[in-house]
Amino acid sequence: MSLNDFACVFWSYSKNDWITDGCTKTMNSSGIAGCSCKNKQKANFAILMAYDINYNYSKALHWISITGCALSVLGLCATALYQIITRKSRGGNPTLLVVNICTSMTIFYLLFVSGINNPVQHVNVARVFGENIVPESDHHKYPDEGPCTAVTALLQYFLLATFTWNTLYGINVYMLFQSSVSGTPRWFPKVSMAVGWGPH
């Protein structure tokens, strides 16, 4: 953890809260942050601090994730390609369902690998000479600047699409067992596409 911000405060019994009146942030010649308060009568003086969490990710875990996702993407692409090449031997419905399962999972893995690292790098520099404002929390929270929310929404969508396509595949297998001679109804592929890629 590293210091992100701090405030020089004292307890106000009338407001029942920490206040910063008469206190300022300082730094001495050695670069050590401190506080200066005009009114030395303040008995309940404190320094409230907000910290950044310094995440250290394991390199081994990173490469295991990349390797596992890459192998999964290769396997999914091979499965989809095989299904497309041999589609005449089994009919259109199973091919459609399996190819869409592979497509949604492949997009999910590619989003995961490309979007899991936060592209916005925050510099952990203590704000010593800023305003003397009480931090909102003891852990500083950076506002999302867009990419994190976008990647999260896309991951959620494609993961739900994968579950939906797997459910549709199960329904297809059930309908094949129920009517093995006639097969699945003609409307099933269109309904599957609408449900599989529809809003989740």
C-alpha atoms as a PDB file:
ATOM      1  CA  MET A   1       0.000   0.000   0.000  1.00  0.00           C
ATOM      2  CA  SER A   2       1.129   3.540  -0.647  1.00  0.00           C
ATOM      3  CA  LEU A   3      -0.167   6.894   0.532  1.00  0.00           C
ATOM      4  CA  ASN A   4      -2.496   8.596  -1.950  1.00  0.00           C
ATOM      5  CA  ASP A   5      -3.943  11.487   0.045  1.00  0.00           C
ATOM      6  CA  PHE A   6      -4.278  12.687   3.610  1.00  0.00           C
ATOM      7  CA  ALA A   7      -6.037  15.373   5.607  1.00  0.00           C
ATOM      8  CA  CYS A   8      -5.075  17.223   8.783  1.00  0.00           C
ATOM      9  CA  VAL A   9      -8.172  17.293  10.972  1.00  0.00           C
ATOM     10  CA  PHE A  10      -9.491  17.626  14.485  1.00  0.00           C
ATOM     11  CA  TRP A  11     -12.707  16.393  16.056  1.00  0.00           C
ATOM     12  CA  SER A  12     -15.548  18.869  16.345  1.00  0.00           C
ATOM     13  CA  TYR A  13     -17.907  17.999  19.171  1.00  0.00           C
ATOM     14  CA  SER A  14     -20.489  20.488  17.897  1.00  0.00           C
ATOM     15  CA  LYS A  15     -20.565  18.944  14.384  1.00  0.00           C
ATOM     16  CA  ASN A  16     -19.803  15.427  15.637  1.00  0.00           C
ATOM     17  CA  ASP A  17     -17.348  14.956  12.756  1.00  0.00           C
ATOM     18  CA  TRP A  18     -13.766  15.559  11.647  1.00  0.00           C
ATOM     19  CA  ILE A  19     -13.139  19.117  10.363  1.00  0.00           C
ATOM     20  CA  THR A  20     -10.123  20.775   8.736  1.00  0.00           C
ATOM     21  CA  ASP A  21     -10.576  24.408   9.903  1.00  0.00           C
ATOM     22  CA  GLY A  22      -7.216  26.093  10.519  1.00  0.00           C
ATOM     23  CA  CYS A  23      -5.109  23.082   9.448  1.00  0.00           C
ATOM     24  CA  THR A  24      -2.951  22.798   6.317  1.00  0.00           C
ATOM     25  CA  LYS A  25      -0.773  20.124   4.747  1.00  0.00           C
ATOM     26  CA  THR A  26       2.986  20.711   4.849  1.00  0.00           C
ATOM     27  CA  MET A  27       6.207  19.062   3.738  1.00  0.00           C
ATOM     28  CA  ASN A  28       9.593  19.511   5.370  1.00  0.00           C
ATOM     29  CA  SER A  29      12.975  19.748   3.623  1.00  0.00           C
ATOM     30  CA  SER A  30      13.414  15.956   3.863  1.00  0.00           C
ATOM     31  CA  GLY A  31      10.237  15.380   1.847  1.00  0.00           C
ATOM     32  CA  ILE A  32       8.195  14.114   4.796  1.00  0.00           C
ATOM     33  CA  ALA A  33       4.547  15.135   4.771  1.00  0.00           C
ATOM     34  CA  GLY A  34       3.088  16.750   7.852  1.00  0.00           C
ATOM     35  CA  CYS A  35       0.416  19.054   9.219  1.00  0.00           C
ATOM     36  CA  SER A  36       0.287  22.575  10.556  1.00  0.00           C
ATOM     37  CA  CYS A  37      -2.638  23.825  12.627  1.00  0.00           C
ATOM     38  CA  LYS A  38      -3.101  27.462  13.670  1.00  0.00           C
ATOM     39  CA  ASN A  39      -5.064  26.668  16.797  1.00  0.00           C
ATOM     40  CA  LYS A  40      -2.825  24.578  19.069  1.00  0.00           C
ATOM     41  CA  GLN A  41      -5.694  24.079  21.535  1.00  0.00           C
ATOM     42  CA  LYS A  42      -7.182  21.247  19.472  1.00  0.00           C
ATOM     43  CA  ALA A  43      -6.966  18.212  21.732  1.00  0.00           C
ATOM     44  CA  ASN A  44      -8.340  15.615  19.313  1.00  0.00           C
ATOM     45  CA  PHE A  45      -6.005  16.096  16.372  1.00  0.00           C
ATOM     46  CA  ALA A  46      -5.573  13.386  13.709  1.00  0.00           C
ATOM     47  CA  ILE A  47      -4.243  12.711  10.241  1.00  0.00           C
ATOM     48  CA  LEU A  48      -6.752  10.827   8.069  1.00  0.00           C
ATOM     49  CA  MET A  49      -5.091   8.920   5.231  1.00  0.00           C
ATOM     50  CA  ALA A  50      -6.279   7.309   1.988  1.00  0.00           C
ATOM     51  CA  TYR A  51      -4.132   4.558   0.520  1.00  0.00           C
ATOM     52  CA  ASP A  52      -3.662   2.997  -2.905  1.00  0.00           C
ATOM     53  CA  ILE A  53      -3.389  -0.767  -3.046  1.00  0.00           C
ATOM     54  CA  ASN A  54      -0.310  -1.719  -5.046  1.00  0.00           C
ATOM     55  CA  TYR A  55      -1.325  -4.844  -6.931  1.00  0.00           C
ATOM     56  CA  ASN A  56       1.497  -7.214  -7.772  1.00  0.00           C
ATOM     57  CA  TYR A  57       0.334  -9.926 -10.145  1.00  0.00           C
ATOM     58  CA  SER A  58       2.271 -13.152 -10.455  1.00  0.00           C
ATOM     59  CA  LYS A  59       4.032 -13.493 -13.817  1.00  0.00           C
ATOM     60  CA  ALA A  60       3.480 -17.265 -13.725  1.00  0.00           C
ATOM     61  CA  LEU A  61      -0.266 -16.795 -13.226  1.00  0.00           C
ATOM     62  CA  HIS A  62      -0.343 -14.309 -16.105  1.00  0.00           C
ATOM     63  CA  TRP A  63       1.333 -16.734 -18.518  1.00  0.00           C
ATOM     64  CA  ILE A  64      -0.782 -19.678 -17.348  1.00  0.00           C
ATOM     65  CA  SER A  65      -3.919 -17.607 -18.076  1.00  0.00           C
ATOM     66  CA  ILE A  66      -2.652 -16.520 -21.505  1.00  0.00           C
ATOM     67  CA  THR A  67      -1.604 -20.065 -22.443  1.00  0.00           C
ATOM     68  CA  GLY A  68      -4.866 -21.623 -21.229  1.00  0.00           C
ATOM     69  CA  CYS A  69      -7.012 -19.067 -23.061  1.00  0.00           C
ATOM     70  CA  ALA A  70      -4.931 -19.412 -26.257  1.00  0.00           C
ATOM     71  CA  LEU A  71      -5.307 -23.208 -26.212  1.00  0.00           C
ATOM     72  CA  SER A  72      -9.049 -22.835 -25.605  1.00  0.00           C
ATOM     73  CA  VAL A  73      -9.388 -20.426 -28.548  1.00  0.00           C
ATOM     74  CA  LEU A  74      -7.458 -22.824 -30.817  1.00  0.00           C
ATOM     75  CA  GLY A  75      -9.658 -25.738 -29.723  1.00  0.00           C
ATOM     76  CA  LEU A  76     -12.848 -23.726 -30.241  1.00  0.00           C
ATOM     77  CA  CYS A  77     -11.752 -22.585 -33.713  1.00  0.00           C
ATOM     78  CA  ALA A  78     -10.854 -26.175 -34.670  1.00  0.00           C
ATOM     79  CA  THR A  79     -14.239 -27.404 -33.397  1.00  0.00           C
ATOM     80  CA  ALA A  80     -16.161 -24.720 -35.305  1.00  0.00           C
ATOM     81  CA  LEU A  81     -14.171 -25.397 -38.486  1.00  0.00           C
ATOM     82  CA  TYR A  82     -14.764 -29.160 -38.201  1.00  0.00           C
ATOM     83  CA  GLN A  83     -18.498 -28.585 -37.657  1.00  0.00           C
ATOM     84  CA  ILE A  84     -18.708 -26.362 -40.741  1.00  0.00           C
ATOM     85  CA  ILE A  85     -16.730 -28.775 -42.968  1.00  0.00           C
ATOM     86  CA  THR A  86     -18.776 -31.840 -41.929  1.00  0.00           C
ATOM     87  CA  ARG A  87     -22.191 -30.124 -41.632  1.00  0.00           C
ATOM     88  CA  LYS A  88     -23.834 -32.175 -44.418  1.00  0.00           C
ATOM     89  CA  SER A  89     -23.335 -35.412 -42.498  1.00  0.00           C
ATOM     90  CA  ARG A  90     -25.488 -34.385 -39.540  1.00  0.00           C
ATOM     91  CA  GLY A  91     -27.825 -31.568 -40.621  1.00  0.00           C
ATOM     92  CA  GLY A  92     -27.960 -27.861 -40.023  1.00  0.00           C
ATOM     93  CA  ASN A  93     -29.298 -27.486 -36.471  1.00  0.00           C
ATOM     94  CA  PRO A  94     -26.451 -29.117 -34.504  1.00  0.00           C
ATOM     95  CA  THR A  95     -23.878 -27.315 -36.644  1.00  0.00           C
ATOM     96  CA  LEU A  96     -25.577 -23.953 -36.118  1.00  0.00           C
ATOM     97  CA  LEU A  97     -25.735 -24.458 -32.359  1.00  0.00           C
ATOM     98  CA  VAL A  98     -22.172 -25.733 -31.881  1.00  0.00           C
ATOM     99  CA  VAL A  99     -20.664 -23.039 -34.135  1.00  0.00           C
ATOM    100  CA  ASN A 100     -22.493 -20.323 -32.181  1.00  0.00           C
ATOM    101  CA  ILE A 101     -21.351 -21.817 -28.855  1.00  0.00           C
ATOM    102  CA  CYS A 102     -17.769 -21.776 -30.162  1.00  0.00           C
ATOM    103  CA  THR A 103     -18.150 -18.223 -31.496  1.00  0.00           C
ATOM    104  CA  SER A 104     -19.471 -16.770 -28.240  1.00  0.00           C
ATOM    105  CA  MET A 105     -16.820 -18.567 -26.165  1.00  0.00           C
ATOM    106  CA  THR A 106     -14.021 -17.494 -28.532  1.00  0.00           C
ATOM    107  CA  ILE A 107     -15.087 -13.843 -28.340  1.00  0.00           C
ATOM    108  CA  PHE A 108     -15.323 -14.152 -24.536  1.00  0.00           C
ATOM    109  CA  TYR A 109     -11.765 -15.544 -24.281  1.00  0.00           C
ATOM    110  CA  LEU A 110     -10.341 -12.915 -26.648  1.00  0.00           C
ATOM    111  CA  LEU A 111     -12.026 -10.133 -24.656  1.00  0.00           C
ATOM    112  CA  PHE A 112     -10.738 -11.648 -21.430  1.00  0.00           C
ATOM    113  CA  VAL A 113      -7.135 -11.850 -22.652  1.00  0.00           C
ATOM    114  CA  SER A 114      -7.121  -8.393 -24.251  1.00  0.00           C
ATOM    115  CA  GLY A 115      -9.152  -6.573 -21.596  1.00  0.00           C
ATOM    116  CA  ILE A 116      -8.125  -8.117 -18.293  1.00  0.00           C
ATOM    117  CA  ASN A 117      -5.150  -5.783 -17.820  1.00  0.00           C
ATOM    118  CA  ASN A 118      -6.263  -2.320 -16.803  1.00  0.00           C
ATOM    119  CA  PRO A 119      -5.048   0.017 -19.574  1.00  0.00           C
ATOM    120  CA  VAL A 120      -5.289   3.058 -17.306  1.00  0.00           C
ATOM    121  CA  GLN A 121      -2.165   3.128 -15.168  1.00  0.00           C
ATOM    122  CA  HIS A 122      -2.520   5.142 -11.985  1.00  0.00           C
ATOM    123  CA  VAL A 123       0.546   6.835 -10.565  1.00  0.00           C
ATOM    124  CA  ASN A 124       0.685   6.496  -6.808  1.00  0.00           C
ATOM    125  CA  VAL A 125       1.819   9.988  -5.802  1.00  0.00           C
ATOM    126  CA  ALA A 126       0.737  11.441  -2.486  1.00  0.00           C
ATOM    127  CA  ARG A 127      -1.170  14.692  -2.918  1.00  0.00           C
ATOM    128  CA  VAL A 128       0.628  16.740  -0.292  1.00  0.00           C
ATOM    129  CA  PHE A 129       0.046  20.280  -1.498  1.00  0.00           C
ATOM    130  CA  GLY A 130      -3.609  19.958  -2.471  1.00  0.00           C
ATOM    131  CA  GLU A 131      -6.606  21.138  -0.526  1.00  0.00           C
ATOM    132  CA  ASN A 132      -6.937  19.874   3.007  1.00  0.00           C
ATOM    133  CA  ILE A 133     -10.102  17.820   2.404  1.00  0.00           C
ATOM    134  CA  VAL A 134     -11.171  14.784   4.401  1.00  0.00           C
ATOM    135  CA  PRO A 135     -10.812  11.656   2.174  1.00  0.00           C
ATOM    136  CA  GLU A 136     -14.042   9.762   1.453  1.00  0.00           C
ATOM    137  CA  SER A 137     -12.521   6.415   2.414  1.00  0.00           C
ATOM    138  CA  ASP A 138      -9.290   4.938   3.731  1.00  0.00           C
ATOM    139  CA  HIS A 139      -8.777   3.280   0.304  1.00  0.00           C
ATOM    140  CA  HIS A 140      -8.612   5.641  -2.665  1.00  0.00           C
ATOM    141  CA  LYS A 141     -10.965   4.684  -5.500  1.00  0.00           C
ATOM    142  CA  TYR A 142     -10.166   5.859  -9.008  1.00  0.00           C
ATOM    143  CA  PRO A 143     -13.233   6.658 -11.125  1.00  0.00           C
ATOM    144  CA  ASP A 144     -13.733   4.349 -14.097  1.00  0.00           C
ATOM    145  CA  GLU A 145     -12.675   6.065 -17.302  1.00  0.00           C
ATOM    146  CA  GLY A 146     -14.680   3.810 -19.630  1.00  0.00           C
ATOM    147  CA  PRO A 147     -12.628   0.796 -20.760  1.00  0.00           C
ATOM    148  CA  CYS A 148     -13.215  -1.230 -17.607  1.00  0.00           C
ATOM    149  CA  THR A 149     -16.998  -0.875 -17.766  1.00  0.00           C
ATOM    150  CA  ALA A 150     -17.086  -1.604 -21.514  1.00  0.00           C
ATOM    151  CA  VAL A 151     -14.980  -4.769 -21.196  1.00  0.00           C
ATOM    152  CA  THR A 152     -17.037  -5.937 -18.205  1.00  0.00           C
ATOM    153  CA  ALA A 153     -20.320  -5.431 -20.087  1.00  0.00           C
ATOM    154  CA  LEU A 154     -19.032  -7.307 -23.146  1.00  0.00           C
ATOM    155  CA  LEU A 155     -17.673 -10.166 -21.016  1.00  0.00           C
ATOM    156  CA  GLN A 156     -21.053 -10.433 -19.273  1.00  0.00           C
ATOM    157  CA  TYR A 157     -22.933 -10.439 -22.584  1.00  0.00           C
ATOM    158  CA  PHE A 158     -20.817 -13.133 -24.262  1.00  0.00           C
ATOM    159  CA  LEU A 159     -20.738 -15.335 -21.165  1.00  0.00           C
ATOM    160  CA  LEU A 160     -24.545 -15.179 -20.958  1.00  0.00           C
ATOM    161  CA  ALA A 161     -24.725 -15.856 -24.709  1.00  0.00           C
ATOM    162  CA  THR A 162     -22.571 -18.959 -24.176  1.00  0.00           C
ATOM    163  CA  PHE A 163     -24.915 -20.234 -21.450  1.00  0.00           C
ATOM    164  CA  THR A 164     -27.935 -19.468 -23.651  1.00  0.00           C
ATOM    165  CA  TRP A 165     -26.469 -21.338 -26.633  1.00  0.00           C
ATOM    166  CA  ASN A 166     -25.662 -24.331 -24.417  1.00  0.00           C
ATOM    167  CA  THR A 167     -29.262 -24.315 -23.174  1.00  0.00           C
ATOM    168  CA  LEU A 168     -30.529 -24.186 -26.767  1.00  0.00           C
ATOM    169  CA  TYR A 169     -28.261 -27.105 -27.648  1.00  0.00           C
ATOM    170  CA  GLY A 170     -29.759 -29.085 -24.763  1.00  0.00           C
ATOM    171  CA  ILE A 171     -33.289 -28.239 -25.978  1.00  0.00           C
ATOM    172  CA  ASN A 172     -32.284 -29.392 -29.474  1.00  0.00           C
ATOM    173  CA  VAL A 173     -31.029 -32.738 -28.129  1.00  0.00           C
ATOM    174  CA  TYR A 174     -34.232 -33.168 -26.106  1.00  0.00           C
ATOM    175  CA  MET A 175     -36.395 -32.466 -29.169  1.00  0.00           C
ATOM    176  CA  LEU A 176     -34.359 -34.956 -31.218  1.00  0.00           C
ATOM    177  CA  PHE A 177     -35.021 -37.659 -28.598  1.00  0.00           C
ATOM    178  CA  GLN A 178     -38.729 -36.815 -28.583  1.00  0.00           C
ATOM    179  CA  SER A 179     -39.129 -36.983 -32.351  1.00  0.00           C
ATOM    180  CA  SER A 180     -36.126 -38.835 -33.748  1.00  0.00           C
ATOM    181  CA  VAL A 181     -37.802 -39.468 -37.107  1.00  0.00           C
ATOM    182  CA  SER A 182     -39.006 -35.962 -38.006  1.00  0.00           C
ATOM    183  CA  GLY A 183     -36.177 -34.078 -36.259  1.00  0.00           C
ATOM    184  CA  THR A 184     -36.452 -30.603 -34.832  1.00  0.00           C
ATOM    185  CA  PRO A 185     -39.098 -28.162 -36.134  1.00  0.00           C
ATOM    186  CA  ARG A 186     -38.225 -25.857 -39.049  1.00  0.00           C
ATOM    187  CA  TRP A 187     -38.697 -22.738 -36.926  1.00  0.00           C
ATOM    188  CA  PHE A 188     -36.067 -23.808 -34.376  1.00  0.00           C
ATOM    189  CA  PRO A 189     -32.952 -22.314 -36.118  1.00  0.00           C
ATOM    190  CA  LYS A 190     -34.554 -18.856 -36.455  1.00  0.00           C
ATOM    191  CA  VAL A 191     -35.792 -18.887 -32.863  1.00  0.00           C
ATOM    192  CA  SER A 192     -32.350 -20.093 -31.719  1.00  0.00           C
ATOM    193  CA  MET A 193     -30.604 -17.189 -33.454  1.00  0.00           C
ATOM    194  CA  ALA A 194     -33.024 -14.661 -31.951  1.00  0.00           C
ATOM    195  CA  VAL A 195     -32.767 -16.113 -28.434  1.00  0.00           C
ATOM    196  CA  GLY A 196     -29.036 -16.942 -28.570  1.00  0.00           C
ATOM    197  CA  TRP A 197     -27.841 -13.495 -29.636  1.00  0.00           C
ATOM    198  CA  GLY A 198     -30.771 -11.507 -28.261  1.00  0.00           C
ATOM    199  CA  PRO A 199     -30.667  -9.275 -25.194  1.00  0.00           C
ATOM    200  CA  HIS A 200     -29.420 -11.092 -22.097  1.00  0.00           C
END
